[in-house]
Amino acid sequence: MKELIIGRNDAGQRLDKYLSKALPALPPSLMQKYIRLKRIKLAGKRVEKDYRLQEGDVLQLYINDEFFLLPDPNEVWRKAPTALEIAYEDEHVLVIDKPAGLVVHEDEQGSVDTLINRIKAYLYKKGEWDPESERSFVPALCNRIDRNTGGLVIAAKTAEALRVLNQKIKDREITKYYLCLVHGTPKPAAGTLKHYLCRDTDKKQVFVQQRKTSDNLTAVLRYRTLEKRGELSLLECELVTGRTHQIRAQMQAAGWPLAGDTKYGTATQNRGLPFSHQALWSWRLCFSFTTPAGPLEYLRGKEVRAKEVPFLKFFWELPKKSN
């Protein structure tokens, strides 16, 4: 017999959902059987599969040792570097300023050096996350940005934070602002773009459509021009919706492709630029809560900004455009 004590990050889950994550080697059908046969108990008593676990609960499991597999010590995140540019951190939340070129999750190339792996290694080294004791919770990203887009990404350090932040993002109670350089002069200087995006998974690209269909997604962003220098304009964009490649595709469709964008721009336009990726940075996050936030209520109204936007130095050195 082995005991599992439910900690804060595991509380609130159904028993069967928790066991499926805590004991991945235990087949679901066998787990259900063990619950019925009272080989899985709560404080020595029968427990139902849909019971919601509470912090401090003690589970007794009368099952074979083979189902208590510990995490593989060679898990890829253990090999990742811990270098992170931290814009904000507390006991629940971590906001990272991701460099351009770093992928957020493992892709088809199987890179070990990903943002989430760096975060896991960082929290493990700090002693704030231990996969062997957590069993079911894993630190997770709440939003993501493209490999070659830099800037702020939110990570949840606790299960409570993950639940709240995912809901706040779904309800659009976290406002995300980007800075970008575009070719040309946006007219009007500020406005709202609304398109419909259709994704081509083979080309890993989205295409802008003007009418809503069952196959596309609505994409809305607000923009304002901050300054014009040379042939480039500096814009701040507020994402109303969060779609793949949204800013890149919508700006190109409006006639102002992002500087350096090799997927949605052209080689001719980008010739001579000192960077080879899109000039796009997630630079400001606002926790614009309008409904209760539970354990994250303290974040209401808080703003986090990136410390540096690398392409701005190049932009400010350009000659200012005269009207």
C-alpha atoms as a PDB file:
ATOM      1  CA  MET A   1       0.000   0.000   0.000  1.00  0.00           C
ATOM      2  CA  LYS A   2       1.160   3.511  -0.827  1.00  0.00           C
ATOM      3  CA  GLU A   3      -0.244   6.868   0.241  1.00  0.00           C
ATOM      4  CA  LEU A   4      -0.572  10.057  -1.761  1.00  0.00           C
ATOM      5  CA  ILE A   5      -1.172  13.314   0.092  1.00  0.00           C
ATOM      6  CA  ILE A   6      -3.014  15.941  -1.921  1.00  0.00           C
ATOM      7  CA  GLY A   7      -1.242  19.291  -2.074  1.00  0.00           C
ATOM      8  CA  ARG A   8      -2.515  22.716  -3.097  1.00  0.00           C
ATOM      9  CA  ASN A   9      -1.783  22.265  -6.794  1.00  0.00           C
ATOM     10  CA  ASP A  10      -3.675  18.978  -6.965  1.00  0.00           C
ATOM     11  CA  ALA A  11      -6.757  20.102  -5.020  1.00  0.00           C
ATOM     12  CA  GLY A  12     -10.010  20.774  -6.856  1.00  0.00           C
ATOM     13  CA  GLN A  13      -9.623  17.946  -9.373  1.00  0.00           C
ATOM     14  CA  ARG A  14     -11.833  14.902  -9.747  1.00  0.00           C
ATOM     15  CA  LEU A  15     -10.247  11.779  -8.305  1.00  0.00           C
ATOM     16  CA  ASP A  16     -10.147   9.976 -11.663  1.00  0.00           C
ATOM     17  CA  LYS A  17      -8.632  12.991 -13.459  1.00  0.00           C
ATOM     18  CA  TYR A  18      -5.959  13.319 -10.792  1.00  0.00           C
ATOM     19  CA  LEU A  19      -5.069   9.614 -10.888  1.00  0.00           C
ATOM     20  CA  SER A  20      -4.783   9.607 -14.680  1.00  0.00           C
ATOM     21  CA  LYS A  21      -2.055  12.262 -14.393  1.00  0.00           C
ATOM     22  CA  ALA A  22      -0.441  11.099 -11.164  1.00  0.00           C
ATOM     23  CA  LEU A  23      -0.221   7.461 -12.292  1.00  0.00           C
ATOM     24  CA  PRO A  24       0.096   7.530 -16.091  1.00  0.00           C
ATOM     25  CA  ALA A  25       1.120   3.853 -16.131  1.00  0.00           C
ATOM     26  CA  LEU A  26      -2.219   2.803 -14.612  1.00  0.00           C
ATOM     27  CA  PRO A  27      -4.720   1.982 -17.404  1.00  0.00           C
ATOM     28  CA  PRO A  28      -8.022   3.918 -17.067  1.00  0.00           C
ATOM     29  CA  SER A  29     -10.119   0.733 -17.078  1.00  0.00           C
ATOM     30  CA  LEU A  30      -8.030  -0.749 -14.282  1.00  0.00           C
ATOM     31  CA  MET A  31      -8.205   2.485 -12.311  1.00  0.00           C
ATOM     32  CA  GLN A  32     -12.015   2.411 -12.471  1.00  0.00           C
ATOM     33  CA  LYS A  33     -11.980  -1.224 -11.346  1.00  0.00           C
ATOM     34  CA  TYR A  34      -9.692  -0.463  -8.397  1.00  0.00           C
ATOM     35  CA  ILE A  35     -11.975   2.379  -7.283  1.00  0.00           C
ATOM     36  CA  ARG A  36     -15.010   0.055  -7.393  1.00  0.00           C
ATOM     37  CA  LEU A  37     -13.148  -2.671  -5.489  1.00  0.00           C
ATOM     38  CA  LYS A  38     -12.029  -0.149  -2.824  1.00  0.00           C
ATOM     39  CA  ARG A  39      -8.360  -0.707  -3.617  1.00  0.00           C
ATOM     40  CA  ILE A  40      -8.205   3.081  -3.887  1.00  0.00           C
ATOM     41  CA  LYS A  41      -9.528   4.727  -0.731  1.00  0.00           C
ATOM     42  CA  LEU A  42      -9.764   8.149   0.858  1.00  0.00           C
ATOM     43  CA  ALA A  43      -8.798   8.213   4.538  1.00  0.00           C
ATOM     44  CA  GLY A  44      -9.461   4.482   4.666  1.00  0.00           C
ATOM     45  CA  LYS A  45     -12.971   4.738   3.226  1.00  0.00           C
ATOM     46  CA  ARG A  46     -14.621   4.164  -0.124  1.00  0.00           C
ATOM     47  CA  VAL A  47     -14.389   7.097  -2.532  1.00  0.00           C
ATOM     48  CA  GLU A  48     -16.200   7.825  -5.789  1.00  0.00           C
ATOM     49  CA  LYS A  49     -14.379   8.582  -9.032  1.00  0.00           C
ATOM     50  CA  ASP A  50     -15.982  12.046  -9.294  1.00  0.00           C
ATOM     51  CA  TYR A  51     -14.970  13.136  -5.783  1.00  0.00           C
ATOM     52  CA  ARG A  52     -13.312  16.565  -5.793  1.00  0.00           C
ATOM     53  CA  LEU A  53      -9.996  16.337  -3.992  1.00  0.00           C
ATOM     54  CA  GLN A  54      -9.181  18.740  -1.165  1.00  0.00           C
ATOM     55  CA  GLU A  55      -5.806  19.872   0.084  1.00  0.00           C
ATOM     56  CA  GLY A  56      -4.619  17.515   2.803  1.00  0.00           C
ATOM     57  CA  ASP A  57      -6.648  14.508   1.598  1.00  0.00           C
ATOM     58  CA  VAL A  58      -4.802  11.209   2.003  1.00  0.00           C
ATOM     59  CA  LEU A  59      -5.338   8.531  -0.628  1.00  0.00           C
ATOM     60  CA  GLN A  60      -4.471   4.898   0.091  1.00  0.00           C
ATOM     61  CA  LEU A  61      -3.660   2.874  -3.010  1.00  0.00           C
ATOM     62  CA  TYR A  62      -3.520  -0.903  -2.774  1.00  0.00           C
ATOM     63  CA  ILE A  63      -2.071  -1.450  -6.218  1.00  0.00           C
ATOM     64  CA  ASN A  64       1.103  -2.916  -7.695  1.00  0.00           C
ATOM     65  CA  ASP A  65       4.373  -0.986  -7.466  1.00  0.00           C
ATOM     66  CA  GLU A  66       4.762  -1.046 -11.244  1.00  0.00           C
ATOM     67  CA  PHE A  67       2.093   1.650 -11.526  1.00  0.00           C
ATOM     68  CA  PHE A  68       4.049   4.109  -9.363  1.00  0.00           C
ATOM     69  CA  LEU A  69       6.554   5.092 -12.013  1.00  0.00           C
ATOM     70  CA  LEU A  70       8.627   8.134 -11.097  1.00  0.00           C
ATOM     71  CA  PRO A  71       9.511  10.785 -13.704  1.00  0.00           C
ATOM     72  CA  ASP A  72      12.310   9.835 -16.030  1.00  0.00           C
ATOM     73  CA  PRO A  73      15.480  11.575 -14.767  1.00  0.00           C
ATOM     74  CA  ASN A  74      16.382  12.154 -18.411  1.00  0.00           C
ATOM     75  CA  GLU A  75      13.261  14.213 -19.169  1.00  0.00           C
ATOM     76  CA  VAL A  76      14.244  16.800 -21.747  1.00  0.00           C
ATOM     77  CA  TRP A  77      13.478  19.839 -19.568  1.00  0.00           C
ATOM     78  CA  ARG A  78      16.265  18.755 -17.206  1.00  0.00           C
ATOM     79  CA  LYS A  79      18.733  19.438 -20.020  1.00  0.00           C
ATOM     80  CA  ALA A  80      17.412  22.913 -20.815  1.00  0.00           C
ATOM     81  CA  PRO A  81      19.259  26.086 -19.772  1.00  0.00           C
ATOM     82  CA  THR A  82      17.676  28.197 -17.044  1.00  0.00           C
ATOM     83  CA  ALA A  83      18.452  31.583 -18.613  1.00  0.00           C
ATOM     84  CA  LEU A  84      15.296  33.729 -18.495  1.00  0.00           C
ATOM     85  CA  GLU A  85      14.572  37.443 -18.780  1.00  0.00           C
ATOM     86  CA  ILE A  86      12.009  37.813 -16.011  1.00  0.00           C
ATOM     87  CA  ALA A  87       9.674  40.790 -16.336  1.00  0.00           C
ATOM     88  CA  TYR A  88       7.540  39.867 -13.321  1.00  0.00           C
ATOM     89  CA  GLU A  89       7.317  37.026 -10.799  1.00  0.00           C
ATOM     90  CA  ASP A  90       5.356  36.125  -7.684  1.00  0.00           C
ATOM     91  CA  GLU A  91       4.306  32.881  -6.010  1.00  0.00           C
ATOM     92  CA  HIS A  92       1.673  32.138  -8.671  1.00  0.00           C
ATOM     93  CA  VAL A  93       2.753  33.864 -11.874  1.00  0.00           C
ATOM     94  CA  LEU A  94       5.857  34.244 -14.010  1.00  0.00           C
ATOM     95  CA  VAL A  95       6.015  36.706 -16.926  1.00  0.00           C
ATOM     96  CA  ILE A  96       8.971  36.085 -19.216  1.00  0.00           C
ATOM     97  CA  ASP A  97      10.387  38.427 -21.869  1.00  0.00           C
ATOM     98  CA  LYS A  98      11.114  35.810 -24.531  1.00  0.00           C
ATOM     99  CA  PRO A  99      13.911  36.516 -27.011  1.00  0.00           C
ATOM    100  CA  ALA A 100      13.164  36.246 -30.719  1.00  0.00           C
ATOM    101  CA  GLY A 101      14.354  32.895 -32.037  1.00  0.00           C
ATOM    102  CA  LEU A 102      13.329  30.828 -28.996  1.00  0.00           C
ATOM    103  CA  VAL A 103      10.388  28.482 -29.572  1.00  0.00           C
ATOM    104  CA  VAL A 104       7.821  28.333 -26.753  1.00  0.00           C
ATOM    105  CA  HIS A 105       7.050  24.594 -27.013  1.00  0.00           C
ATOM    106  CA  GLU A 106       8.810  21.686 -28.677  1.00  0.00           C
ATOM    107  CA  ASP A 107       8.235  21.650 -32.417  1.00  0.00           C
ATOM    108  CA  GLU A 108       8.830  19.097 -35.145  1.00  0.00           C
ATOM    109  CA  GLN A 109      12.567  19.698 -34.788  1.00  0.00           C
ATOM    110  CA  GLY A 110      12.403  18.379 -31.220  1.00  0.00           C
ATOM    111  CA  SER A 111      14.409  21.218 -29.692  1.00  0.00           C
ATOM    112  CA  VAL A 112      15.189  20.773 -25.988  1.00  0.00           C
ATOM    113  CA  ASP A 113      15.803  24.492 -25.559  1.00  0.00           C
ATOM    114  CA  THR A 114      12.237  25.803 -25.418  1.00  0.00           C
ATOM    115  CA  LEU A 115      10.703  28.489 -23.264  1.00  0.00           C
ATOM    116  CA  ILE A 116       8.565  26.041 -21.265  1.00  0.00           C
ATOM    117  CA  ASN A 117      11.552  23.737 -20.690  1.00  0.00           C
ATOM    118  CA  ARG A 118      13.617  26.684 -19.447  1.00  0.00           C
ATOM    119  CA  ILE A 119      10.793  27.603 -17.067  1.00  0.00           C
ATOM    120  CA  LYS A 120      10.533  24.042 -15.729  1.00  0.00           C
ATOM    121  CA  ALA A 121      14.292  23.855 -15.200  1.00  0.00           C
ATOM    122  CA  TYR A 122      14.295  27.288 -13.544  1.00  0.00           C
ATOM    123  CA  LEU A 123      11.478  26.460 -11.110  1.00  0.00           C
ATOM    124  CA  TYR A 124      12.954  23.046 -10.337  1.00  0.00           C
ATOM    125  CA  LYS A 125      16.333  24.624  -9.557  1.00  0.00           C
ATOM    126  CA  LYS A 126      14.619  27.170  -7.279  1.00  0.00           C
ATOM    127  CA  GLY A 127      12.808  24.372  -5.458  1.00  0.00           C
ATOM    128  CA  GLU A 128       9.381  25.727  -6.430  1.00  0.00           C
ATOM    129  CA  TRP A 129       8.369  22.739  -8.565  1.00  0.00           C
ATOM    130  CA  ASP A 130       9.162  19.069  -8.017  1.00  0.00           C
ATOM    131  CA  PRO A 131       7.516  16.647 -10.498  1.00  0.00           C
ATOM    132  CA  GLU A 132       7.990  13.743  -8.121  1.00  0.00           C
ATOM    133  CA  SER A 133       5.868  15.344  -5.403  1.00  0.00           C
ATOM    134  CA  GLU A 134       3.414  17.292  -7.556  1.00  0.00           C
ATOM    135  CA  ARG A 135       2.369  14.193  -9.497  1.00  0.00           C
ATOM    136  CA  SER A 136      -0.305  15.912 -11.611  1.00  0.00           C
ATOM    137  CA  PHE A 137       0.646  19.608 -11.962  1.00  0.00           C
ATOM    138  CA  VAL A 138       3.162  20.896 -14.485  1.00  0.00           C
ATOM    139  CA  PRO A 139       4.030  24.605 -14.943  1.00  0.00           C
ATOM    140  CA  ALA A 140       2.359  25.809 -18.120  1.00  0.00           C
ATOM    141  CA  LEU A 141       2.253  28.730 -20.522  1.00  0.00           C
ATOM    142  CA  CYS A 142      -0.997  30.686 -20.642  1.00  0.00           C
ATOM    143  CA  ASN A 143      -0.293  32.384 -23.961  1.00  0.00           C
ATOM    144  CA  ARG A 144       2.192  31.808 -26.732  1.00  0.00           C
ATOM    145  CA  ILE A 145       3.976  33.815 -29.398  1.00  0.00           C
ATOM    146  CA  ASP A 146       5.803  32.807 -32.575  1.00  0.00           C
ATOM    147  CA  ARG A 147       9.401  31.637 -32.495  1.00  0.00           C
ATOM    148  CA  ASN A 148      10.669  34.803 -34.176  1.00  0.00           C
ATOM    149  CA  THR A 149       8.405  37.166 -32.245  1.00  0.00           C
ATOM    150  CA  GLY A 150       9.819  38.343 -28.939  1.00  0.00           C
ATOM    151  CA  GLY A 151       8.241  39.604 -25.786  1.00  0.00           C
ATOM    152  CA  LEU A 152       6.016  38.836 -22.841  1.00  0.00           C
ATOM    153  CA  VAL A 153       4.668  35.360 -22.195  1.00  0.00           C
ATOM    154  CA  ILE A 154       2.679  34.432 -19.075  1.00  0.00           C
ATOM    155  CA  ALA A 155       3.392  31.181 -17.225  1.00  0.00           C
ATOM    156  CA  ALA A 156       1.427  29.704 -14.326  1.00  0.00           C
ATOM    157  CA  LYS A 157       3.476  28.376 -11.425  1.00  0.00           C
ATOM    158  CA  THR A 158       0.472  26.888  -9.628  1.00  0.00           C
ATOM    159  CA  ALA A 159      -2.678  25.023 -10.637  1.00  0.00           C
ATOM    160  CA  GLU A 160      -4.806  27.824  -9.141  1.00  0.00           C
ATOM    161  CA  ALA A 161      -3.097  30.401 -11.314  1.00  0.00           C
ATOM    162  CA  LEU A 162      -3.414  28.262 -14.432  1.00  0.00           C
ATOM    163  CA  ARG A 163      -7.167  27.903 -14.015  1.00  0.00           C
ATOM    164  CA  VAL A 164      -7.709  31.615 -13.369  1.00  0.00           C
ATOM    165  CA  LEU A 165      -5.382  32.929 -16.093  1.00  0.00           C
ATOM    166  CA  ASN A 166      -6.743  30.619 -18.776  1.00  0.00           C
ATOM    167  CA  GLN A 167     -10.259  31.821 -17.990  1.00  0.00           C
ATOM    168  CA  LYS A 168      -9.213  35.489 -17.915  1.00  0.00           C
ATOM    169  CA  ILE A 169      -7.568  35.168 -21.322  1.00  0.00           C
ATOM    170  CA  LYS A 170     -10.650  33.412 -22.685  1.00  0.00           C
ATOM    171  CA  ASP A 171     -12.835  36.212 -21.294  1.00  0.00           C
ATOM    172  CA  ARG A 172     -10.456  38.881 -22.689  1.00  0.00           C
ATOM    173  CA  GLU A 173      -9.629  40.259 -19.260  1.00  0.00           C
ATOM    174  CA  ILE A 174      -5.893  40.330 -19.990  1.00  0.00           C
ATOM    175  CA  THR A 175      -5.002  42.959 -22.578  1.00  0.00           C
ATOM    176  CA  LYS A 176      -1.970  42.329 -24.795  1.00  0.00           C
ATOM    177  CA  TYR A 177      -0.135  45.097 -26.640  1.00  0.00           C
ATOM    178  CA  TYR A 178       2.541  44.678 -29.312  1.00  0.00           C
ATOM    179  CA  LEU A 179       5.019  47.065 -30.888  1.00  0.00           C
ATOM    180  CA  CYS A 180       5.864  46.521 -34.530  1.00  0.00           C
ATOM    181  CA  LEU A 181       7.582  48.186 -37.464  1.00  0.00           C
ATOM    182  CA  VAL A 182       5.679  48.186 -40.727  1.00  0.00           C
ATOM    183  CA  HIS A 183       6.523  49.232 -44.263  1.00  0.00           C
ATOM    184  CA  GLY A 184       4.572  52.270 -45.395  1.00  0.00           C
ATOM    185  CA  THR A 185       2.273  54.764 -43.728  1.00  0.00           C
ATOM    186  CA  PRO A 186      -0.946  53.436 -42.177  1.00  0.00           C
ATOM    187  CA  LYS A 187      -4.008  55.424 -43.148  1.00  0.00           C
ATOM    188  CA  PRO A 188      -5.827  56.239 -41.021  1.00  0.00           C
ATOM    189  CA  ALA A 189      -3.070  56.624 -38.454  1.00  0.00           C
ATOM    190  CA  ALA A 190      -5.156  54.700 -35.920  1.00  0.00           C
ATOM    191  CA  GLY A 191      -8.025  52.303 -36.333  1.00  0.00           C
ATOM    192  CA  THR A 192      -9.410  48.792 -36.060  1.00  0.00           C
ATOM    193  CA  LEU A 193      -8.748  45.923 -38.446  1.00  0.00           C
ATOM    194  CA  LYS A 194     -11.258  43.109 -38.746  1.00  0.00           C
ATOM    195  CA  HIS A 195     -10.644  40.134 -40.984  1.00  0.00           C
ATOM    196  CA  TYR A 196     -11.313  36.410 -41.126  1.00  0.00           C
ATOM    197  CA  LEU A 197      -8.331  34.072 -41.024  1.00  0.00           C
ATOM    198  CA  CYS A 198      -8.137  30.668 -42.649  1.00  0.00           C
ATOM    199  CA  ARG A 199      -5.222  28.466 -41.594  1.00  0.00           C
ATOM    200  CA  ASP A 200      -3.150  26.344 -43.984  1.00  0.00           C
ATOM    201  CA  THR A 201      -1.485  23.773 -41.733  1.00  0.00           C
ATOM    202  CA  ASP A 202       0.738  22.444 -44.523  1.00  0.00           C
ATOM    203  CA  LYS A 203       2.222  25.858 -45.279  1.00  0.00           C
ATOM    204  CA  LYS A 204       2.054  26.929 -41.597  1.00  0.00           C
ATOM    205  CA  GLN A 205       0.483  30.158 -42.713  1.00  0.00           C
ATOM    206  CA  VAL A 206      -2.853  31.946 -42.411  1.00  0.00           C
ATOM    207  CA  PHE A 207      -4.757  33.658 -45.187  1.00  0.00           C
ATOM    208  CA  VAL A 208      -7.003  36.695 -44.828  1.00  0.00           C
ATOM    209  CA  GLN A 209     -10.581  36.478 -46.045  1.00  0.00           C
ATOM    210  CA  GLN A 210     -13.178  39.239 -46.119  1.00  0.00           C
ATOM    211  CA  ARG A 211     -16.253  37.174 -45.273  1.00  0.00           C
ATOM    212  CA  LYS A 212     -17.074  34.823 -42.414  1.00  0.00           C
ATOM    213  CA  THR A 213     -17.320  31.134 -43.250  1.00  0.00           C
ATOM    214  CA  SER A 214     -17.439  27.928 -41.235  1.00  0.00           C
ATOM    215  CA  ASP A 215     -13.729  27.417 -41.952  1.00  0.00           C
ATOM    216  CA  ASN A 216     -12.274  30.727 -40.784  1.00  0.00           C
ATOM    217  CA  LEU A 217     -11.867  32.627 -37.517  1.00  0.00           C
ATOM    218  CA  THR A 218     -12.654  36.263 -36.763  1.00  0.00           C
ATOM    219  CA  ALA A 219      -9.546  38.370 -36.143  1.00  0.00           C
ATOM    220  CA  VAL A 220      -9.756  41.868 -34.658  1.00  0.00           C
ATOM    221  CA  LEU A 221      -6.973  44.215 -33.609  1.00  0.00           C
ATOM    222  CA  ARG A 222      -6.661  47.891 -32.826  1.00  0.00           C
ATOM    223  CA  TYR A 223      -3.605  49.859 -33.918  1.00  0.00           C
ATOM    224  CA  ARG A 224      -2.184  53.342 -33.571  1.00  0.00           C
ATOM    225  CA  THR A 225       0.808  54.880 -35.271  1.00  0.00           C
ATOM    226  CA  LEU A 226       3.392  56.191 -32.826  1.00  0.00           C
ATOM    227  CA  GLU A 227       5.947  57.616 -35.260  1.00  0.00           C
ATOM    228  CA  LYS A 228       7.129  57.529 -38.876  1.00  0.00           C
ATOM    229  CA  ARG A 229      10.848  57.339 -39.733  1.00  0.00           C
ATOM    230  CA  GLY A 230      12.349  56.640 -43.114  1.00  0.00           C
ATOM    231  CA  GLU A 231      10.042  54.209 -44.920  1.00  0.00           C
ATOM    232  CA  LEU A 232       8.950  52.525 -41.706  1.00  0.00           C
ATOM    233  CA  SER A 233       6.208  53.264 -39.184  1.00  0.00           C
ATOM    234  CA  LEU A 234       6.197  52.267 -35.519  1.00  0.00           C
ATOM    235  CA  LEU A 235       2.810  50.955 -34.407  1.00  0.00           C
ATOM    236  CA  GLU A 236       1.283  49.765 -31.163  1.00  0.00           C
ATOM    237  CA  CYS A 237      -1.273  47.006 -31.690  1.00  0.00           C
ATOM    238  CA  GLU A 238      -3.836  45.772 -29.183  1.00  0.00           C
ATOM    239  CA  LEU A 239      -5.045  42.237 -29.770  1.00  0.00           C
ATOM    240  CA  VAL A 240      -8.780  41.933 -29.328  1.00  0.00           C
ATOM    241  CA  THR A 241      -8.646  38.339 -30.518  1.00  0.00           C
ATOM    242  CA  GLY A 242      -5.596  36.110 -30.295  1.00  0.00           C
ATOM    243  CA  ARG A 243      -5.096  34.229 -33.557  1.00  0.00           C
ATOM    244  CA  THR A 244      -2.045  32.569 -35.058  1.00  0.00           C
ATOM    245  CA  HIS A 245       0.040  35.096 -37.048  1.00  0.00           C
ATOM    246  CA  GLN A 246      -2.795  37.602 -36.625  1.00  0.00           C
ATOM    247  CA  ILE A 247      -0.834  40.862 -36.616  1.00  0.00           C
ATOM    248  CA  ARG A 248       1.480  39.696 -39.388  1.00  0.00           C
ATOM    249  CA  ALA A 249      -1.338  38.592 -41.690  1.00  0.00           C
ATOM    250  CA  GLN A 250      -3.675  41.505 -41.008  1.00  0.00           C
ATOM    251  CA  MET A 251      -0.997  44.145 -41.480  1.00  0.00           C
ATOM    252  CA  GLN A 252       0.040  42.565 -44.773  1.00  0.00           C
ATOM    253  CA  ALA A 253      -3.600  42.480 -45.903  1.00  0.00           C
ATOM    254  CA  ALA A 254      -3.993  46.165 -45.017  1.00  0.00           C
ATOM    255  CA  GLY A 255      -0.953  47.023 -47.159  1.00  0.00           C
ATOM    256  CA  TRP A 256       1.575  47.537 -44.337  1.00  0.00           C
ATOM    257  CA  PRO A 257       3.581  44.294 -43.979  1.00  0.00           C
ATOM    258  CA  LEU A 258       5.865  43.950 -40.987  1.00  0.00           C
ATOM    259  CA  ALA A 259       9.507  44.843 -41.487  1.00  0.00           C
ATOM    260  CA  GLY A 260      11.658  41.715 -41.598  1.00  0.00           C
ATOM    261  CA  ASP A 261       8.736  39.326 -42.062  1.00  0.00           C
ATOM    262  CA  THR A 262       9.915  36.654 -44.500  1.00  0.00           C
ATOM    263  CA  LYS A 263       6.592  34.773 -44.534  1.00  0.00           C
ATOM    264  CA  TYR A 264       4.129  37.608 -45.122  1.00  0.00           C
ATOM    265  CA  GLY A 265       6.475  40.267 -46.524  1.00  0.00           C
ATOM    266  CA  THR A 266       8.803  40.318 -49.531  1.00  0.00           C
ATOM    267  CA  ALA A 267      12.561  40.014 -49.875  1.00  0.00           C
ATOM    268  CA  THR A 268      12.669  43.278 -51.824  1.00  0.00           C
ATOM    269  CA  GLN A 269      11.013  45.252 -49.042  1.00  0.00           C
ATOM    270  CA  ASN A 270      13.216  43.701 -46.357  1.00  0.00           C
ATOM    271  CA  ARG A 271      16.527  44.106 -48.162  1.00  0.00           C
ATOM    272  CA  GLY A 272      19.032  46.012 -46.060  1.00  0.00           C
ATOM    273  CA  LEU A 273      17.328  45.539 -42.694  1.00  0.00           C
ATOM    274  CA  PRO A 274      19.681  44.590 -39.820  1.00  0.00           C
ATOM    275  CA  PHE A 275      17.382  41.763 -38.650  1.00  0.00           C
ATOM    276  CA  SER A 276      16.059  38.660 -40.429  1.00  0.00           C
ATOM    277  CA  HIS A 277      12.814  38.159 -38.512  1.00  0.00           C
ATOM    278  CA  GLN A 278       9.622  40.149 -38.094  1.00  0.00           C
ATOM    279  CA  ALA A 279       9.933  43.354 -36.080  1.00  0.00           C
ATOM    280  CA  LEU A 280       7.186  42.405 -33.640  1.00  0.00           C
ATOM    281  CA  TRP A 281       7.365  42.431 -29.845  1.00  0.00           C
ATOM    282  CA  SER A 282       4.807  41.648 -27.153  1.00  0.00           C
ATOM    283  CA  TRP A 283       5.776  44.590 -24.994  1.00  0.00           C
ATOM    284  CA  ARG A 284       2.898  45.305 -22.571  1.00  0.00           C
ATOM    285  CA  LEU A 285       0.387  43.216 -20.610  1.00  0.00           C
ATOM    286  CA  CYS A 286      -2.484  44.602 -18.549  1.00  0.00           C
ATOM    287  CA  PHE A 287      -4.397  42.471 -16.079  1.00  0.00           C
ATOM    288  CA  SER A 288      -7.687  44.210 -16.849  1.00  0.00           C
ATOM    289  CA  PHE A 289      -9.884  42.057 -14.624  1.00  0.00           C
ATOM    290  CA  THR A 290     -13.586  42.923 -14.658  1.00  0.00           C
ATOM    291  CA  THR A 291     -14.738  39.855 -12.709  1.00  0.00           C
ATOM    292  CA  PRO A 292     -13.427  38.229  -9.502  1.00  0.00           C
ATOM    293  CA  ALA A 293      -9.972  36.675  -9.856  1.00  0.00           C
ATOM    294  CA  GLY A 294      -9.830  34.557  -6.715  1.00  0.00           C
ATOM    295  CA  PRO A 295      -6.211  33.975  -5.612  1.00  0.00           C
ATOM    296  CA  LEU A 296      -4.973  36.382  -8.314  1.00  0.00           C
ATOM    297  CA  GLU A 297      -7.145  39.314  -7.265  1.00  0.00           C
ATOM    298  CA  TYR A 298      -3.984  41.222  -6.305  1.00  0.00           C
ATOM    299  CA  LEU A 299      -3.079  41.453 -10.006  1.00  0.00           C
ATOM    300  CA  ARG A 300      -6.180  43.497 -10.868  1.00  0.00           C
ATOM    301  CA  GLY A 301      -5.068  46.623 -12.760  1.00  0.00           C
ATOM    302  CA  LYS A 302      -1.390  45.633 -12.809  1.00  0.00           C
ATOM    303  CA  GLU A 303       0.670  46.326 -15.941  1.00  0.00           C
ATOM    304  CA  VAL A 304       3.880  44.541 -16.949  1.00  0.00           C
ATOM    305  CA  ARG A 305       6.230  45.902 -19.616  1.00  0.00           C
ATOM    306  CA  ALA A 306       9.190  44.444 -21.465  1.00  0.00           C
ATOM    307  CA  LYS A 307      12.475  45.987 -20.410  1.00  0.00           C
ATOM    308  CA  GLU A 308      13.760  46.377 -23.963  1.00  0.00           C
ATOM    309  CA  VAL A 309      12.460  46.090 -27.524  1.00  0.00           C
ATOM    310  CA  PRO A 310      15.568  45.292 -29.618  1.00  0.00           C
ATOM    311  CA  PHE A 311      14.493  46.722 -32.993  1.00  0.00           C
ATOM    312  CA  LEU A 312      13.678  50.155 -31.539  1.00  0.00           C
ATOM    313  CA  LYS A 313      17.346  51.192 -31.474  1.00  0.00           C
ATOM    314  CA  PHE A 314      17.514  50.708 -35.250  1.00  0.00           C
ATOM    315  CA  PHE A 315      14.242  52.600 -35.733  1.00  0.00           C
ATOM    316  CA  TRP A 316      15.204  55.643 -33.654  1.00  0.00           C
ATOM    317  CA  GLU A 317      18.389  56.045 -35.710  1.00  0.00           C
ATOM    318  CA  LEU A 318      16.406  56.406 -38.950  1.00  0.00           C
ATOM    319  CA  PRO A 319      15.767  59.930 -40.285  1.00  0.00           C
ATOM    320  CA  LYS A 320      12.453  61.297 -39.106  1.00  0.00           C
ATOM    321  CA  LYS A 321       9.886  61.492 -41.856  1.00  0.00           C
ATOM    322  CA  SER A 322       8.674  65.001 -42.614  1.00  0.00           C
ATOM    323  CA  ASN A 323       4.985  65.568 -43.212  1.00  0.00           C
END
